[in-house]
Amino acid sequence: MKISHHDTGMPKGVDPNWRIAIIHATYYKEEIAALVESAKTALKEAGIPEKNISLYAAPGSFEIPLIGAALAEAKAADALIGIGIIVQGETKHADLLAESVAHGMMNIQIRYRIPFAFEVLYVDSIAQARARGEKGKEAAHAVLQSLAEIKGIL
């Protein structure tokens, strides 16, 4: 099944029965809330009912892949969205964290063949994260398009 987009960027072929889990870090609550809300709004606009959108809180971005793996293994969601914010500090810790989270999320996608949108912002300042509050919408579109494409293949 080929996927095309409306002028709004909304993916076609969305099944309202799909279950989408949003796993979000609890650091930077206000900025994370904006990202989560933009993802939820985009999912609902695409035809996913609120009852099929579930939220899971992770202590930090590092735990997003762990919770995602548990959801994938339990077949509790058809697609996952990971939302977090990592702010660069004076050490290499943020680099290691961001890279580890990205690898972990990619490994879950490959292992379980389930879309896992990476919306873990790696920024120099919290102001940069605030300016990217609509990135959740992009993550929602990415998982829906990927899920529709996968369903057309498998």
N, C-alpha and C. Protein backbone atom coordinates (compact mmCIF):
# COMPACT_ATOMS: atom_id res chain seq x y z
N MET A 1 0.84 -1.17 0.00
CA MET A 1 0.00 0.00 0.00
C MET A 1 0.89 1.23 0.00
N LYS A 2 0.68 2.09 -0.95
CA LYS A 2 1.44 3.34 -1.04
C LYS A 2 0.79 4.39 -0.16
N ILE A 3 1.59 5.16 0.51
CA ILE A 3 1.08 6.21 1.40
C ILE A 3 1.27 7.55 0.70
N SER A 4 0.24 8.35 0.71
CA SER A 4 0.36 9.72 0.23
C SER A 4 -0.19 10.64 1.31
N HIS A 5 0.01 11.91 1.14
CA HIS A 5 -0.39 12.86 2.16
C HIS A 5 -1.41 13.85 1.60
N HIS A 6 -2.31 14.27 2.45
CA HIS A 6 -3.16 15.41 2.13
C HIS A 6 -2.27 16.65 2.18
N ASP A 7 -2.81 17.78 1.80
CA ASP A 7 -2.05 19.03 1.89
C ASP A 7 -1.66 19.34 3.33
N THR A 8 -2.38 18.79 4.30
CA THR A 8 -2.09 19.06 5.70
C THR A 8 -0.94 18.20 6.22
N GLY A 9 -0.45 17.28 5.42
CA GLY A 9 0.61 16.39 5.87
C GLY A 9 0.08 15.19 6.63
N MET A 10 -1.24 15.03 6.66
CA MET A 10 -1.87 13.94 7.38
C MET A 10 -1.67 12.63 6.62
N PRO A 11 -1.18 11.60 7.27
CA PRO A 11 -1.00 10.32 6.59
C PRO A 11 -2.33 9.69 6.20
N LYS A 12 -2.34 9.03 5.05
CA LYS A 12 -3.53 8.28 4.61
C LYS A 12 -3.39 6.84 5.08
N GLY A 13 -4.48 6.13 5.09
CA GLY A 13 -4.43 4.71 5.45
C GLY A 13 -4.40 4.46 6.94
N VAL A 14 -4.79 5.45 7.73
CA VAL A 14 -4.77 5.31 9.19
C VAL A 14 -5.98 4.48 9.62
N ASP A 15 -5.73 3.49 10.46
CA ASP A 15 -6.78 2.64 11.01
C ASP A 15 -7.12 3.17 12.40
N PRO A 16 -8.36 3.56 12.65
CA PRO A 16 -8.72 4.11 13.97
C PRO A 16 -8.59 3.10 15.10
N ASN A 17 -8.39 1.84 14.78
CA ASN A 17 -8.20 0.82 15.81
C ASN A 17 -6.75 0.73 16.29
N TRP A 18 -5.83 1.39 15.61
CA TRP A 18 -4.44 1.37 16.04
C TRP A 18 -4.31 1.96 17.44
N ARG A 19 -3.44 1.32 18.23
CA ARG A 19 -3.14 1.79 19.58
C ARG A 19 -1.75 2.43 19.58
N ILE A 20 -1.70 3.68 19.98
CA ILE A 20 -0.45 4.42 19.98
C ILE A 20 -0.08 4.77 21.42
N ALA A 21 1.13 4.39 21.80
CA ALA A 21 1.62 4.71 23.15
C ALA A 21 2.65 5.82 23.07
N ILE A 22 2.48 6.81 23.91
CA ILE A 22 3.44 7.91 24.03
C ILE A 22 4.18 7.73 25.35
N ILE A 23 5.49 7.55 25.24
CA ILE A 23 6.33 7.40 26.43
C ILE A 23 7.09 8.71 26.58
N HIS A 24 6.91 9.36 27.71
CA HIS A 24 7.53 10.68 27.88
C HIS A 24 8.32 10.74 29.18
N ALA A 25 9.44 11.44 29.10
CA ALA A 25 10.25 11.68 30.28
C ALA A 25 9.53 12.69 31.18
N THR A 26 9.88 12.68 32.45
CA THR A 26 9.24 13.59 33.40
C THR A 26 10.08 14.83 33.71
N TYR A 27 11.28 14.92 33.16
CA TYR A 27 12.08 16.14 33.29
C TYR A 27 11.47 17.21 32.40
N TYR A 28 11.61 18.47 32.80
CA TYR A 28 11.13 19.60 32.00
C TYR A 28 9.65 19.46 31.68
N LYS A 29 8.84 19.35 32.73
CA LYS A 29 7.41 19.03 32.62
C LYS A 29 6.64 19.91 31.63
N GLU A 30 6.84 21.21 31.69
CA GLU A 30 6.07 22.12 30.83
C GLU A 30 6.38 21.89 29.35
N GLU A 31 7.65 21.76 29.04
CA GLU A 31 8.06 21.55 27.65
C GLU A 31 7.63 20.17 27.15
N ILE A 32 7.74 19.17 27.99
CA ILE A 32 7.30 17.81 27.63
C ILE A 32 5.80 17.80 27.40
N ALA A 33 5.05 18.50 28.25
CA ALA A 33 3.59 18.56 28.09
C ALA A 33 3.21 19.13 26.74
N ALA A 34 3.92 20.14 26.27
CA ALA A 34 3.63 20.73 24.95
C ALA A 34 3.89 19.73 23.83
N LEU A 35 4.97 18.99 23.95
CA LEU A 35 5.29 17.97 22.94
C LEU A 35 4.25 16.86 22.93
N VAL A 36 3.87 16.39 24.11
CA VAL A 36 2.87 15.33 24.23
C VAL A 36 1.54 15.81 23.65
N GLU A 37 1.13 17.02 24.00
CA GLU A 37 -0.14 17.54 23.50
C GLU A 37 -0.14 17.67 21.99
N SER A 38 0.97 18.12 21.40
CA SER A 38 0.99 18.25 19.95
C SER A 38 0.93 16.88 19.29
N ALA A 39 1.54 15.86 19.90
CA ALA A 39 1.45 14.50 19.37
C ALA A 39 0.03 13.97 19.47
N LYS A 40 -0.59 14.15 20.64
CA LYS A 40 -1.96 13.67 20.84
C LYS A 40 -2.93 14.34 19.88
N THR A 41 -2.80 15.64 19.71
CA THR A 41 -3.68 16.39 18.81
C THR A 41 -3.54 15.87 17.38
N ALA A 42 -2.32 15.66 16.93
CA ALA A 42 -2.08 15.16 15.57
C ALA A 42 -2.65 13.76 15.39
N LEU A 43 -2.50 12.92 16.40
CA LEU A 43 -3.06 11.56 16.31
C LEU A 43 -4.58 11.61 16.21
N LYS A 44 -5.20 12.43 17.03
CA LYS A 44 -6.67 12.55 16.99
C LYS A 44 -7.13 13.12 15.65
N GLU A 45 -6.43 14.14 15.15
CA GLU A 45 -6.79 14.72 13.85
C GLU A 45 -6.65 13.70 12.72
N ALA A 46 -5.75 12.74 12.88
CA ALA A 46 -5.55 11.70 11.87
C ALA A 46 -6.56 10.57 11.98
N GLY A 47 -7.39 10.58 13.04
CA GLY A 47 -8.43 9.58 13.18
C GLY A 47 -8.22 8.56 14.28
N ILE A 48 -7.19 8.74 15.10
CA ILE A 48 -6.97 7.83 16.23
C ILE A 48 -7.79 8.36 17.41
N PRO A 49 -8.74 7.57 17.92
CA PRO A 49 -9.54 8.06 19.04
C PRO A 49 -8.70 8.15 20.33
N GLU A 50 -9.10 9.07 21.19
CA GLU A 50 -8.39 9.30 22.45
C GLU A 50 -8.22 8.00 23.25
N LYS A 51 -9.22 7.13 23.23
CA LYS A 51 -9.13 5.88 24.00
C LYS A 51 -8.01 4.96 23.51
N ASN A 52 -7.52 5.20 22.28
CA ASN A 52 -6.43 4.38 21.74
C ASN A 52 -5.07 5.04 21.86
N ILE A 53 -5.02 6.15 22.59
CA ILE A 53 -3.76 6.84 22.84
C ILE A 53 -3.45 6.70 24.33
N SER A 54 -2.34 6.06 24.64
CA SER A 54 -1.98 5.87 26.05
C SER A 54 -0.67 6.58 26.35
N LEU A 55 -0.57 7.07 27.58
CA LEU A 55 0.61 7.80 28.02
C LEU A 55 1.33 7.02 29.10
N TYR A 56 2.65 6.99 29.02
CA TYR A 56 3.48 6.31 30.01
C TYR A 56 4.60 7.26 30.41
N ALA A 57 4.75 7.49 31.70
CA ALA A 57 5.79 8.39 32.20
C ALA A 57 7.06 7.59 32.47
N ALA A 58 8.17 8.11 31.98
CA ALA A 58 9.49 7.54 32.24
C ALA A 58 10.24 8.51 33.14
N PRO A 59 11.03 8.02 34.09
CA PRO A 59 11.76 8.93 34.98
C PRO A 59 12.63 9.93 34.20
N GLY A 60 13.23 9.45 33.11
CA GLY A 60 14.06 10.30 32.26
C GLY A 60 14.10 9.72 30.87
N SER A 61 14.81 10.38 29.98
CA SER A 61 14.89 9.90 28.59
C SER A 61 15.55 8.52 28.50
N PHE A 62 16.49 8.24 29.40
CA PHE A 62 17.21 6.98 29.37
C PHE A 62 16.28 5.78 29.51
N GLU A 63 15.17 5.95 30.22
CA GLU A 63 14.24 4.85 30.47
C GLU A 63 13.17 4.69 29.38
N ILE A 64 13.11 5.62 28.44
CA ILE A 64 12.11 5.53 27.36
C ILE A 64 12.23 4.21 26.59
N PRO A 65 13.43 3.80 26.16
CA PRO A 65 13.51 2.52 25.44
C PRO A 65 13.09 1.31 26.29
N LEU A 66 13.37 1.34 27.57
CA LEU A 66 12.99 0.23 28.45
C LEU A 66 11.48 0.07 28.49
N ILE A 67 10.77 1.16 28.71
CA ILE A 67 9.31 1.10 28.76
C ILE A 67 8.76 0.75 27.38
N GLY A 68 9.38 1.28 26.34
CA GLY A 68 8.97 0.95 24.97
C GLY A 68 9.13 -0.54 24.67
N ALA A 69 10.22 -1.13 25.13
CA ALA A 69 10.45 -2.55 24.90
C ALA A 69 9.40 -3.39 25.62
N ALA A 70 9.05 -3.00 26.84
CA ALA A 70 8.02 -3.73 27.59
C ALA A 70 6.67 -3.65 26.87
N LEU A 71 6.33 -2.47 26.36
CA LEU A 71 5.07 -2.31 25.63
C LEU A 71 5.07 -3.12 24.33
N ALA A 72 6.18 -3.10 23.62
CA ALA A 72 6.28 -3.86 22.37
C ALA A 72 6.19 -5.36 22.64
N GLU A 73 6.90 -5.82 23.65
CA GLU A 73 6.88 -7.25 23.98
C GLU A 73 5.48 -7.70 24.40
N ALA A 74 4.77 -6.86 25.13
CA ALA A 74 3.42 -7.18 25.59
C ALA A 74 2.37 -6.98 24.49
N LYS A 75 2.82 -6.48 23.33
CA LYS A 75 1.90 -6.16 22.22
C LYS A 75 0.79 -5.22 22.69
N ALA A 76 1.18 -4.26 23.54
CA ALA A 76 0.23 -3.32 24.13
C ALA A 76 0.00 -2.09 23.26
N ALA A 77 0.78 -1.96 22.18
CA ALA A 77 0.63 -0.82 21.27
C ALA A 77 1.06 -1.23 19.88
N ASP A 78 0.48 -0.56 18.89
CA ASP A 78 0.86 -0.80 17.49
C ASP A 78 2.01 0.10 17.07
N ALA A 79 2.19 1.21 17.76
CA ALA A 79 3.29 2.14 17.49
C ALA A 79 3.60 2.91 18.76
N LEU A 80 4.83 3.39 18.84
CA LEU A 80 5.32 4.09 20.02
C LEU A 80 5.87 5.46 19.63
N ILE A 81 5.73 6.39 20.53
CA ILE A 81 6.35 7.70 20.37
C ILE A 81 7.14 7.98 21.65
N GLY A 82 8.42 8.23 21.52
CA GLY A 82 9.26 8.56 22.66
C GLY A 82 9.52 10.06 22.70
N ILE A 83 9.20 10.69 23.82
CA ILE A 83 9.35 12.14 23.95
C ILE A 83 10.20 12.45 25.18
N GLY A 84 11.28 13.18 24.95
CA GLY A 84 12.15 13.58 26.05
C GLY A 84 12.95 14.81 25.66
N ILE A 85 13.65 15.35 26.62
CA ILE A 85 14.52 16.49 26.39
C ILE A 85 15.83 16.23 27.11
N ILE A 86 16.92 16.34 26.38
CA ILE A 86 18.25 16.22 26.95
C ILE A 86 18.96 17.55 26.68
N VAL A 87 19.40 18.20 27.74
CA VAL A 87 20.08 19.49 27.60
C VAL A 87 21.59 19.27 27.76
N GLN A 88 22.34 19.74 26.77
CA GLN A 88 23.80 19.61 26.80
C GLN A 88 24.36 20.36 28.00
N GLY A 89 25.22 19.71 28.72
CA GLY A 89 25.90 20.34 29.85
C GLY A 89 27.37 20.50 29.54
N GLU A 90 28.16 20.59 30.59
CA GLU A 90 29.59 20.81 30.43
C GLU A 90 30.37 19.52 30.20
N THR A 91 29.74 18.37 30.41
CA THR A 91 30.44 17.09 30.25
C THR A 91 29.88 16.33 29.05
N LYS A 92 30.39 15.16 28.80
CA LYS A 92 29.95 14.30 27.69
C LYS A 92 28.73 13.45 28.06
N HIS A 93 28.22 13.60 29.28
CA HIS A 93 27.11 12.77 29.74
C HIS A 93 25.90 12.87 28.81
N ALA A 94 25.55 14.05 28.38
CA ALA A 94 24.38 14.23 27.51
C ALA A 94 24.59 13.54 26.16
N ASP A 95 25.82 13.59 25.64
CA ASP A 95 26.12 12.91 24.38
C ASP A 95 25.87 11.41 24.50
N LEU A 96 26.39 10.83 25.57
CA LEU A 96 26.21 9.39 25.80
C LEU A 96 24.74 9.04 25.97
N LEU A 97 24.03 9.87 26.72
CA LEU A 97 22.62 9.64 26.97
C LEU A 97 21.82 9.69 25.68
N ALA A 98 21.99 10.74 24.88
CA ALA A 98 21.24 10.89 23.63
C ALA A 98 21.52 9.75 22.67
N GLU A 99 22.78 9.38 22.54
CA GLU A 99 23.14 8.30 21.63
C GLU A 99 22.58 6.96 22.11
N SER A 100 22.64 6.70 23.40
CA SER A 100 22.11 5.45 23.95
C SER A 100 20.60 5.35 23.76
N VAL A 101 19.90 6.44 23.99
CA VAL A 101 18.44 6.44 23.82
C VAL A 101 18.09 6.19 22.36
N ALA A 102 18.78 6.86 21.45
CA ALA A 102 18.52 6.68 20.02
C ALA A 102 18.74 5.23 19.60
N HIS A 103 19.85 4.65 20.03
CA HIS A 103 20.14 3.25 19.69
C HIS A 103 19.09 2.32 20.30
N GLY A 104 18.72 2.57 21.55
CA GLY A 104 17.73 1.73 22.20
C GLY A 104 16.40 1.74 21.49
N MET A 105 15.96 2.93 21.09
CA MET A 105 14.68 3.03 20.39
C MET A 105 14.75 2.37 19.01
N MET A 106 15.85 2.56 18.32
CA MET A 106 16.01 1.92 17.00
C MET A 106 16.02 0.40 17.15
N ASN A 107 16.69 -0.11 18.17
CA ASN A 107 16.73 -1.56 18.38
C ASN A 107 15.34 -2.13 18.60
N ILE A 108 14.49 -1.41 19.32
CA ILE A 108 13.12 -1.86 19.55
C ILE A 108 12.35 -1.90 18.23
N GLN A 109 12.52 -0.88 17.41
CA GLN A 109 11.85 -0.86 16.10
C GLN A 109 12.23 -2.09 15.28
N ILE A 110 13.50 -2.36 15.22
CA ILE A 110 13.99 -3.47 14.40
C ILE A 110 13.56 -4.82 14.99
N ARG A 111 13.73 -4.98 16.29
CA ARG A 111 13.41 -6.26 16.93
C ARG A 111 11.93 -6.61 16.84
N TYR A 112 11.07 -5.62 17.11
CA TYR A 112 9.63 -5.90 17.18
C TYR A 112 8.87 -5.46 15.93
N ARG A 113 9.57 -4.83 15.00
CA ARG A 113 8.94 -4.32 13.77
C ARG A 113 7.74 -3.43 14.11
N ILE A 114 7.98 -2.52 15.03
CA ILE A 114 6.97 -1.58 15.50
C ILE A 114 7.56 -0.17 15.40
N PRO A 115 6.86 0.76 14.77
CA PRO A 115 7.39 2.12 14.69
C PRO A 115 7.59 2.72 16.09
N PHE A 116 8.69 3.41 16.27
CA PHE A 116 9.01 4.07 17.53
C PHE A 116 9.60 5.43 17.17
N ALA A 117 8.77 6.44 17.16
CA ALA A 117 9.22 7.78 16.78
C ALA A 117 10.17 8.34 17.83
N PHE A 118 11.26 8.87 17.38
CA PHE A 118 12.30 9.44 18.23
C PHE A 118 12.09 10.95 18.31
N GLU A 119 11.49 11.38 19.39
CA GLU A 119 11.32 12.81 19.62
C GLU A 119 11.95 13.17 20.95
N VAL A 120 13.19 12.72 21.10
CA VAL A 120 13.98 13.08 22.27
C VAL A 120 14.88 14.21 21.81
N LEU A 121 14.51 15.41 22.18
CA LEU A 121 15.24 16.59 21.74
C LEU A 121 16.57 16.69 22.49
N TYR A 122 17.63 16.88 21.75
CA TYR A 122 18.96 17.06 22.32
C TYR A 122 19.36 18.50 22.01
N VAL A 123 19.30 19.35 23.01
CA VAL A 123 19.42 20.79 22.81
C VAL A 123 20.51 21.39 23.68
N ASP A 124 20.90 22.61 23.32
CA ASP A 124 21.89 23.34 24.11
C ASP A 124 21.26 24.10 25.27
N SER A 125 19.96 24.39 25.15
CA SER A 125 19.27 25.13 26.21
C SER A 125 17.80 24.73 26.22
N ILE A 126 17.16 24.94 27.35
CA ILE A 126 15.74 24.62 27.46
C ILE A 126 14.92 25.55 26.55
N ALA A 127 15.43 26.73 26.26
CA ALA A 127 14.75 27.64 25.33
C ALA A 127 14.64 27.02 23.94
N GLN A 128 15.67 26.30 23.53
CA GLN A 128 15.60 25.61 22.23
C GLN A 128 14.50 24.55 22.24
N ALA A 129 14.34 23.85 23.35
CA ALA A 129 13.28 22.84 23.47
C ALA A 129 11.91 23.51 23.42
N ARG A 130 11.77 24.64 24.11
CA ARG A 130 10.48 25.36 24.10
C ARG A 130 10.08 25.76 22.69
N ALA A 131 11.05 26.11 21.88
CA ALA A 131 10.78 26.55 20.50
C ALA A 131 10.39 25.38 19.60
N ARG A 132 10.48 24.17 20.11
CA ARG A 132 10.19 22.98 19.30
C ARG A 132 8.98 22.20 19.80
N GLY A 133 8.05 22.89 20.42
CA GLY A 133 6.86 22.25 21.01
C GLY A 133 5.99 21.51 20.02
N GLU A 134 6.08 21.84 18.74
CA GLU A 134 5.26 21.17 17.71
C GLU A 134 5.92 19.90 17.18
N LYS A 135 7.09 19.56 17.66
CA LYS A 135 7.79 18.36 17.18
C LYS A 135 7.00 17.09 17.48
N GLY A 136 6.13 17.12 18.48
CA GLY A 136 5.29 15.96 18.77
C GLY A 136 4.39 15.63 17.60
N LYS A 137 3.91 16.65 16.90
CA LYS A 137 3.07 16.46 15.71
C LYS A 137 3.84 15.69 14.64
N GLU A 138 5.09 16.06 14.42
CA GLU A 138 5.92 15.36 13.43
C GLU A 138 6.12 13.90 13.81
N ALA A 139 6.30 13.65 15.10
CA ALA A 139 6.47 12.27 15.57
C ALA A 139 5.21 11.46 15.32
N ALA A 140 4.05 12.06 15.59
CA ALA A 140 2.77 11.37 15.36
C ALA A 140 2.60 11.02 13.89
N HIS A 141 2.89 11.96 13.01
CA HIS A 141 2.77 11.69 11.58
C HIS A 141 3.74 10.59 11.15
N ALA A 142 4.96 10.62 11.70
CA ALA A 142 5.96 9.62 11.33
C ALA A 142 5.52 8.21 11.73
N VAL A 143 5.00 8.03 12.94
CA VAL A 143 4.60 6.67 13.34
C VAL A 143 3.39 6.20 12.55
N LEU A 144 2.46 7.09 12.27
CA LEU A 144 1.28 6.68 11.50
C LEU A 144 1.65 6.30 10.08
N GLN A 145 2.51 7.09 9.46
CA GLN A 145 2.94 6.77 8.10
C GLN A 145 3.72 5.47 8.08
N SER A 146 4.63 5.29 9.04
CA SER A 146 5.43 4.06 9.11
C SER A 146 4.54 2.86 9.37
N LEU A 147 3.57 3.00 10.27
CA LEU A 147 2.68 1.89 10.60
C LEU A 147 1.83 1.51 9.38
N ALA A 148 1.32 2.49 8.67
CA ALA A 148 0.54 2.20 7.46
C ALA A 148 1.39 1.48 6.43
N GLU A 149 2.63 1.90 6.29
CA GLU A 149 3.54 1.27 5.31
C GLU A 149 3.84 -0.18 5.73
N ILE A 150 4.11 -0.40 7.01
CA ILE A 150 4.40 -1.73 7.51
C ILE A 150 3.18 -2.65 7.32
N LYS A 151 2.01 -2.15 7.64
CA LYS A 151 0.78 -2.97 7.51
C LYS A 151 0.57 -3.35 6.05
N GLY A 152 1.02 -2.50 5.12
CA GLY A 152 0.92 -2.82 3.70
C GLY A 152 1.92 -3.86 3.24
N ILE A 153 2.98 -4.06 4.00
CA ILE A 153 4.02 -5.02 3.65
C ILE A 153 3.78 -6.38 4.30
N LEU A 154 3.47 -6.37 5.58
CA LEU A 154 3.33 -7.63 6.35
C LEU A 154 1.98 -8.27 6.16
